[in-house]
Amino acid sequence: MVVDDEPAIAEGVADTLAALTGHIYHPYSNALQALAAFTVHPYSLVLTDVTMPGLNGFELLEKMKLVHPGTDFIVITAHKSKDVVYNSHLLGAANIFYKPLDIEELEMAIHDCHRKFLIWQGRFQEVSFIN
């Protein structure tokens, strides 16, 4: 899931990442609509902008973590500040990227999140045979 209040950015990032990683990324330009969709079908990875109307990226992250704590988040922002870095870390974001995005670095971060997801998925499968 990619959430950015600028539809062209959300769609562009989603399309680029899909082409690079082979995974499907659903773009949302409205944080409340993204939250509603996430509540019905949680994603393993969410990329979100920070500054958005309605819910900002940090509020969205908090609400999504309540629904599905295992989701990884990558924060995207145009504003470099201590508060953004601190809040991203405090809320458990896997990484933070500044606009304009370095797509190669973002792709590596996504692969790291996916690798972590697969490891945990394997651990759950191991214990399901025990219980």
N, C-alpha and C. Protein backbone atom coordinates (compact mmCIF):
# COMPACT_ATOMS: atom_id res chain seq x y z
N MET A 1 0.85 -1.17 0.00
CA MET A 1 0.00 0.00 0.00
C MET A 1 0.90 1.23 0.00
N VAL A 2 0.55 2.19 -0.84
CA VAL A 2 1.27 3.47 -0.89
C VAL A 2 0.24 4.57 -0.64
N VAL A 3 0.52 5.42 0.36
CA VAL A 3 -0.42 6.49 0.72
C VAL A 3 0.29 7.84 0.60
N ASP A 4 -0.22 8.67 -0.28
CA ASP A 4 0.29 10.04 -0.46
C ASP A 4 -0.88 10.88 -0.95
N ASP A 5 -1.05 12.06 -0.37
CA ASP A 5 -2.20 12.89 -0.75
C ASP A 5 -2.10 13.42 -2.18
N GLU A 6 -0.97 13.27 -2.81
CA GLU A 6 -0.82 13.63 -4.22
C GLU A 6 -1.00 12.37 -5.05
N PRO A 7 -2.14 12.23 -5.73
CA PRO A 7 -2.44 10.99 -6.47
C PRO A 7 -1.34 10.58 -7.45
N ALA A 8 -0.73 11.54 -8.12
CA ALA A 8 0.32 11.20 -9.09
C ALA A 8 1.52 10.56 -8.40
N ILE A 9 1.84 11.00 -7.20
CA ILE A 9 2.96 10.42 -6.46
C ILE A 9 2.59 9.02 -5.98
N ALA A 10 1.41 8.87 -5.38
CA ALA A 10 0.98 7.56 -4.89
C ALA A 10 0.97 6.54 -6.03
N GLU A 11 0.40 6.92 -7.15
CA GLU A 11 0.32 6.00 -8.30
C GLU A 11 1.69 5.75 -8.91
N GLY A 12 2.49 6.79 -9.03
CA GLY A 12 3.82 6.64 -9.61
C GLY A 12 4.72 5.74 -8.79
N VAL A 13 4.71 5.94 -7.46
CA VAL A 13 5.52 5.10 -6.58
C VAL A 13 5.01 3.66 -6.62
N ALA A 14 3.70 3.48 -6.56
CA ALA A 14 3.12 2.13 -6.60
C ALA A 14 3.49 1.42 -7.90
N ASP A 15 3.36 2.09 -9.02
CA ASP A 15 3.68 1.48 -10.31
C ASP A 15 5.16 1.16 -10.43
N THR A 16 6.01 2.08 -10.01
CA THR A 16 7.46 1.87 -10.08
C THR A 16 7.88 0.69 -9.21
N LEU A 17 7.37 0.64 -8.00
CA LEU A 17 7.74 -0.46 -7.10
C LEU A 17 7.21 -1.80 -7.60
N ALA A 18 6.02 -1.80 -8.17
CA ALA A 18 5.48 -3.04 -8.73
C ALA A 18 6.38 -3.55 -9.85
N ALA A 19 6.85 -2.65 -10.70
CA ALA A 19 7.74 -3.05 -11.80
C ALA A 19 9.08 -3.56 -11.28
N LEU A 20 9.59 -2.96 -10.21
CA LEU A 20 10.89 -3.35 -9.68
C LEU A 20 10.85 -4.61 -8.83
N THR A 21 9.78 -4.78 -8.06
CA THR A 21 9.75 -5.87 -7.08
C THR A 21 8.86 -7.04 -7.47
N GLY A 22 7.95 -6.82 -8.40
CA GLY A 22 7.03 -7.89 -8.77
C GLY A 22 5.85 -8.02 -7.82
N HIS A 23 5.74 -7.13 -6.86
CA HIS A 23 4.62 -7.14 -5.91
C HIS A 23 3.61 -6.07 -6.32
N ILE A 24 2.38 -6.24 -5.90
CA ILE A 24 1.33 -5.26 -6.19
C ILE A 24 1.27 -4.26 -5.05
N TYR A 25 1.26 -2.98 -5.39
CA TYR A 25 1.14 -1.90 -4.42
C TYR A 25 -0.10 -1.10 -4.78
N HIS A 26 -1.05 -1.03 -3.86
CA HIS A 26 -2.28 -0.28 -4.10
C HIS A 26 -2.07 1.17 -3.67
N PRO A 27 -2.27 2.13 -4.58
CA PRO A 27 -2.09 3.54 -4.23
C PRO A 27 -3.36 4.16 -3.64
N TYR A 28 -3.18 4.99 -2.65
CA TYR A 28 -4.28 5.75 -2.04
C TYR A 28 -3.84 7.19 -1.89
N SER A 29 -4.72 8.11 -2.25
CA SER A 29 -4.41 9.52 -2.09
C SER A 29 -5.21 10.15 -0.95
N ASN A 30 -5.89 9.30 -0.19
CA ASN A 30 -6.68 9.75 0.94
C ASN A 30 -6.40 8.80 2.11
N ALA A 31 -5.88 9.35 3.21
CA ALA A 31 -5.48 8.52 4.35
C ALA A 31 -6.67 7.78 4.98
N LEU A 32 -7.83 8.42 5.03
CA LEU A 32 -9.01 7.76 5.62
C LEU A 32 -9.47 6.59 4.76
N GLN A 33 -9.42 6.74 3.45
CA GLN A 33 -9.77 5.63 2.56
C GLN A 33 -8.74 4.51 2.68
N ALA A 34 -7.48 4.86 2.82
CA ALA A 34 -6.43 3.86 3.01
C ALA A 34 -6.65 3.08 4.30
N LEU A 35 -7.01 3.79 5.37
CA LEU A 35 -7.28 3.13 6.65
C LEU A 35 -8.47 2.19 6.54
N ALA A 36 -9.51 2.61 5.86
CA ALA A 36 -10.69 1.76 5.69
C ALA A 36 -10.33 0.49 4.91
N ALA A 37 -9.56 0.64 3.85
CA ALA A 37 -9.14 -0.52 3.06
C ALA A 37 -8.24 -1.43 3.88
N PHE A 38 -7.34 -0.85 4.66
CA PHE A 38 -6.42 -1.62 5.50
C PHE A 38 -7.17 -2.40 6.58
N THR A 39 -8.22 -1.81 7.11
CA THR A 39 -9.01 -2.47 8.15
C THR A 39 -9.67 -3.74 7.61
N VAL A 40 -10.10 -3.69 6.35
CA VAL A 40 -10.72 -4.85 5.71
C VAL A 40 -9.66 -5.87 5.31
N HIS A 41 -8.54 -5.39 4.79
CA HIS A 41 -7.47 -6.27 4.31
C HIS A 41 -6.11 -5.68 4.68
N PRO A 42 -5.56 -6.07 5.84
CA PRO A 42 -4.26 -5.53 6.25
C PRO A 42 -3.15 -5.90 5.27
N TYR A 43 -2.23 -5.00 5.08
CA TYR A 43 -1.08 -5.20 4.21
C TYR A 43 0.14 -5.51 5.07
N SER A 44 1.11 -6.19 4.50
CA SER A 44 2.34 -6.47 5.24
C SER A 44 3.29 -5.27 5.21
N LEU A 45 3.09 -4.36 4.23
CA LEU A 45 3.95 -3.18 4.10
C LEU A 45 3.12 -1.99 3.66
N VAL A 46 3.32 -0.86 4.34
CA VAL A 46 2.66 0.39 3.98
C VAL A 46 3.72 1.48 3.87
N LEU A 47 3.71 2.17 2.75
CA LEU A 47 4.55 3.35 2.56
C LEU A 47 3.63 4.55 2.68
N THR A 48 3.96 5.48 3.57
CA THR A 48 3.07 6.62 3.77
C THR A 48 3.82 7.94 3.84
N ASP A 49 3.21 8.94 3.22
CA ASP A 49 3.68 10.31 3.35
C ASP A 49 3.34 10.77 4.76
N VAL A 50 4.01 11.80 5.24
CA VAL A 50 3.72 12.32 6.58
C VAL A 50 2.66 13.40 6.52
N THR A 51 2.85 14.40 5.68
CA THR A 51 1.97 15.55 5.66
C THR A 51 0.81 15.32 4.70
N MET A 52 -0.37 15.06 5.29
CA MET A 52 -1.58 14.81 4.50
C MET A 52 -2.77 15.41 5.25
N PRO A 53 -3.81 15.81 4.52
CA PRO A 53 -5.02 16.31 5.19
C PRO A 53 -5.77 15.16 5.85
N GLY A 54 -6.61 15.49 6.80
CA GLY A 54 -7.36 14.45 7.52
C GLY A 54 -6.45 13.80 8.54
N LEU A 55 -5.97 12.62 8.23
CA LEU A 55 -4.98 11.95 9.08
C LEU A 55 -3.60 12.19 8.51
N ASN A 56 -2.65 12.58 9.36
CA ASN A 56 -1.29 12.65 8.85
C ASN A 56 -0.69 11.24 8.87
N GLY A 57 0.48 11.09 8.32
CA GLY A 57 1.09 9.76 8.21
C GLY A 57 1.34 9.09 9.55
N PHE A 58 1.68 9.87 10.57
CA PHE A 58 1.92 9.28 11.89
C PHE A 58 0.62 8.79 12.53
N GLU A 59 -0.45 9.58 12.38
CA GLU A 59 -1.75 9.14 12.90
C GLU A 59 -2.22 7.89 12.17
N LEU A 60 -2.00 7.86 10.87
CA LEU A 60 -2.37 6.69 10.08
C LEU A 60 -1.59 5.47 10.54
N LEU A 61 -0.29 5.63 10.74
CA LEU A 61 0.56 4.54 11.22
C LEU A 61 0.05 4.01 12.56
N GLU A 62 -0.25 4.90 13.49
CA GLU A 62 -0.75 4.48 14.81
C GLU A 62 -2.03 3.66 14.69
N LYS A 63 -2.97 4.15 13.89
CA LYS A 63 -4.26 3.46 13.74
C LYS A 63 -4.09 2.11 13.04
N MET A 64 -3.22 2.06 12.05
CA MET A 64 -3.00 0.80 11.35
C MET A 64 -2.30 -0.22 12.24
N LYS A 65 -1.39 0.24 13.08
CA LYS A 65 -0.69 -0.66 14.01
C LYS A 65 -1.67 -1.31 14.98
N LEU A 66 -2.74 -0.59 15.35
CA LEU A 66 -3.76 -1.17 16.22
C LEU A 66 -4.51 -2.30 15.52
N VAL A 67 -4.72 -2.17 14.22
CA VAL A 67 -5.43 -3.19 13.44
C VAL A 67 -4.53 -4.39 13.19
N HIS A 68 -3.28 -4.13 12.81
CA HIS A 68 -2.36 -5.21 12.44
C HIS A 68 -0.94 -4.82 12.86
N PRO A 69 -0.55 -5.18 14.08
CA PRO A 69 0.76 -4.76 14.61
C PRO A 69 1.96 -5.27 13.80
N GLY A 70 1.78 -6.32 13.02
CA GLY A 70 2.90 -6.89 12.27
C GLY A 70 3.24 -6.18 10.98
N THR A 71 2.47 -5.19 10.62
CA THR A 71 2.73 -4.45 9.38
C THR A 71 3.98 -3.60 9.51
N ASP A 72 4.80 -3.62 8.46
CA ASP A 72 5.96 -2.73 8.40
C ASP A 72 5.55 -1.43 7.73
N PHE A 73 6.16 -0.35 8.17
CA PHE A 73 5.87 0.97 7.61
C PHE A 73 7.15 1.64 7.17
N ILE A 74 7.09 2.26 6.02
CA ILE A 74 8.17 3.12 5.54
C ILE A 74 7.57 4.52 5.40
N VAL A 75 8.19 5.47 6.07
CA VAL A 75 7.72 6.85 6.08
C VAL A 75 8.41 7.61 4.96
N ILE A 76 7.62 8.38 4.22
CA ILE A 76 8.13 9.20 3.12
C ILE A 76 7.76 10.65 3.43
N THR A 77 8.73 11.53 3.31
CA THR A 77 8.46 12.93 3.62
C THR A 77 9.38 13.87 2.84
N ALA A 78 8.92 15.07 2.64
CA ALA A 78 9.75 16.11 2.03
C ALA A 78 10.43 16.96 3.10
N HIS A 79 10.08 16.73 4.37
CA HIS A 79 10.56 17.58 5.45
C HIS A 79 11.56 16.84 6.34
N LYS A 80 12.80 17.27 6.26
CA LYS A 80 13.82 16.70 7.13
C LYS A 80 13.77 17.46 8.45
N SER A 81 13.45 16.73 9.51
CA SER A 81 13.44 17.36 10.83
C SER A 81 13.64 16.30 11.90
N LYS A 82 14.09 16.75 13.06
CA LYS A 82 14.28 15.83 14.18
C LYS A 82 12.94 15.21 14.58
N ASP A 83 11.86 15.98 14.54
CA ASP A 83 10.55 15.47 14.92
C ASP A 83 10.10 14.33 14.01
N VAL A 84 10.33 14.47 12.72
CA VAL A 84 9.94 13.42 11.78
C VAL A 84 10.73 12.16 12.05
N VAL A 85 12.04 12.30 12.23
CA VAL A 85 12.88 11.13 12.51
C VAL A 85 12.48 10.51 13.84
N TYR A 86 12.30 11.33 14.86
CA TYR A 86 11.93 10.82 16.19
C TYR A 86 10.59 10.09 16.16
N ASN A 87 9.57 10.72 15.57
CA ASN A 87 8.25 10.09 15.52
C ASN A 87 8.26 8.81 14.69
N SER A 88 9.01 8.80 13.60
CA SER A 88 9.12 7.59 12.78
C SER A 88 9.71 6.45 13.61
N HIS A 89 10.77 6.75 14.32
CA HIS A 89 11.41 5.74 15.17
C HIS A 89 10.49 5.32 16.31
N LEU A 90 9.90 6.28 16.99
CA LEU A 90 9.03 6.01 18.12
C LEU A 90 7.85 5.11 17.74
N LEU A 91 7.31 5.33 16.55
CA LEU A 91 6.15 4.57 16.10
C LEU A 91 6.52 3.25 15.41
N GLY A 92 7.81 2.98 15.32
CA GLY A 92 8.24 1.69 14.81
C GLY A 92 8.35 1.58 13.30
N ALA A 93 8.53 2.70 12.61
CA ALA A 93 8.70 2.64 11.16
C ALA A 93 9.99 1.87 10.85
N ALA A 94 9.94 1.08 9.79
CA ALA A 94 11.11 0.31 9.39
C ALA A 94 12.19 1.20 8.79
N ASN A 95 11.76 2.32 8.18
CA ASN A 95 12.71 3.20 7.54
C ASN A 95 12.03 4.53 7.24
N ILE A 96 12.83 5.51 6.86
CA ILE A 96 12.31 6.82 6.47
C ILE A 96 13.07 7.27 5.22
N PHE A 97 12.34 7.83 4.28
CA PHE A 97 12.94 8.32 3.04
C PHE A 97 12.46 9.74 2.78
N TYR A 98 13.34 10.53 2.19
CA TYR A 98 13.04 11.92 1.89
C TYR A 98 12.80 12.08 0.40
N LYS A 99 11.84 12.94 0.08
CA LYS A 99 11.57 13.28 -1.31
C LYS A 99 12.63 14.27 -1.78
N PRO A 100 13.09 14.17 -2.99
CA PRO A 100 12.76 13.17 -3.99
C PRO A 100 13.33 11.81 -3.61
N LEU A 101 12.59 10.76 -3.89
CA LEU A 101 12.95 9.42 -3.47
C LEU A 101 14.13 8.86 -4.26
N ASP A 102 15.00 8.15 -3.55
CA ASP A 102 16.04 7.36 -4.19
C ASP A 102 15.44 5.97 -4.35
N ILE A 103 14.98 5.66 -5.55
CA ILE A 103 14.23 4.42 -5.79
C ILE A 103 15.07 3.19 -5.49
N GLU A 104 16.37 3.21 -5.78
CA GLU A 104 17.20 2.04 -5.50
C GLU A 104 17.28 1.77 -4.00
N GLU A 105 17.46 2.82 -3.20
CA GLU A 105 17.49 2.64 -1.74
C GLU A 105 16.14 2.18 -1.22
N LEU A 106 15.08 2.75 -1.77
CA LEU A 106 13.73 2.35 -1.36
C LEU A 106 13.49 0.89 -1.71
N GLU A 107 13.92 0.47 -2.89
CA GLU A 107 13.77 -0.93 -3.29
C GLU A 107 14.50 -1.86 -2.31
N MET A 108 15.71 -1.49 -1.90
CA MET A 108 16.45 -2.32 -0.93
C MET A 108 15.72 -2.39 0.40
N ALA A 109 15.16 -1.28 0.85
CA ALA A 109 14.42 -1.26 2.12
C ALA A 109 13.18 -2.15 2.03
N ILE A 110 12.52 -2.13 0.89
CA ILE A 110 11.33 -2.96 0.70
C ILE A 110 11.72 -4.44 0.70
N HIS A 111 12.82 -4.77 0.05
CA HIS A 111 13.29 -6.16 0.06
C HIS A 111 13.62 -6.60 1.49
N ASP A 112 14.20 -5.72 2.29
CA ASP A 112 14.49 -6.04 3.68
C ASP A 112 13.20 -6.33 4.45
N CYS A 113 12.19 -5.50 4.26
CA CYS A 113 10.90 -5.72 4.92
C CYS A 113 10.27 -7.03 4.47
N HIS A 114 10.35 -7.32 3.18
CA HIS A 114 9.76 -8.55 2.64
C HIS A 114 10.50 -9.77 3.19
N ARG A 115 11.83 -9.68 3.27
CA ARG A 115 12.62 -10.79 3.82
C ARG A 115 12.22 -11.04 5.28
N LYS A 116 12.07 -9.97 6.05
CA LYS A 116 11.66 -10.10 7.45
C LYS A 116 10.28 -10.74 7.55
N PHE A 117 9.36 -10.33 6.67
CA PHE A 117 8.02 -10.89 6.64
C PHE A 117 8.07 -12.40 6.37
N LEU A 118 8.88 -12.81 5.40
CA LEU A 118 8.98 -14.23 5.06
C LEU A 118 9.58 -15.05 6.21
N ILE A 119 10.55 -14.47 6.91
CA ILE A 119 11.14 -15.16 8.06
C ILE A 119 10.08 -15.39 9.13
N TRP A 120 9.33 -14.34 9.47
CA TRP A 120 8.29 -14.49 10.49
C TRP A 120 7.19 -15.44 10.04
N GLN A 121 6.84 -15.38 8.78
CA GLN A 121 5.83 -16.29 8.25
C GLN A 121 6.30 -17.74 8.41
N GLY A 122 7.57 -17.98 8.15
CA GLY A 122 8.15 -19.32 8.34
C GLY A 122 8.12 -19.75 9.78
N ARG A 123 8.39 -18.84 10.68
CA ARG A 123 8.36 -19.17 12.13
C ARG A 123 6.95 -19.57 12.56
N PHE A 124 5.95 -18.85 12.06
CA PHE A 124 4.57 -19.19 12.41
C PHE A 124 4.18 -20.55 11.85
N GLN A 125 4.65 -20.87 10.66
CA GLN A 125 4.36 -22.17 10.08
C GLN A 125 5.03 -23.28 10.88
N GLU A 126 6.24 -23.04 11.38
CA GLU A 126 6.94 -24.03 12.20
C GLU A 126 6.14 -24.37 13.45
N VAL A 127 5.63 -23.35 14.14
CA VAL A 127 4.92 -23.61 15.39
C VAL A 127 3.51 -24.14 15.15
N SER A 128 2.95 -23.91 13.96
CA SER A 128 1.60 -24.43 13.71
C SER A 128 1.63 -25.95 13.65
N PHE A 129 2.77 -26.52 13.29
CA PHE A 129 2.88 -28.00 13.29
C PHE A 129 3.03 -28.54 14.69
N ILE A 130 3.55 -27.73 15.61
CA ILE A 130 3.75 -28.16 17.00
C ILE A 130 2.45 -28.11 17.76
N ASN A 131 1.69 -27.05 17.58
CA ASN A 131 0.46 -26.87 18.37
C ASN A 131 -0.66 -27.62 17.78
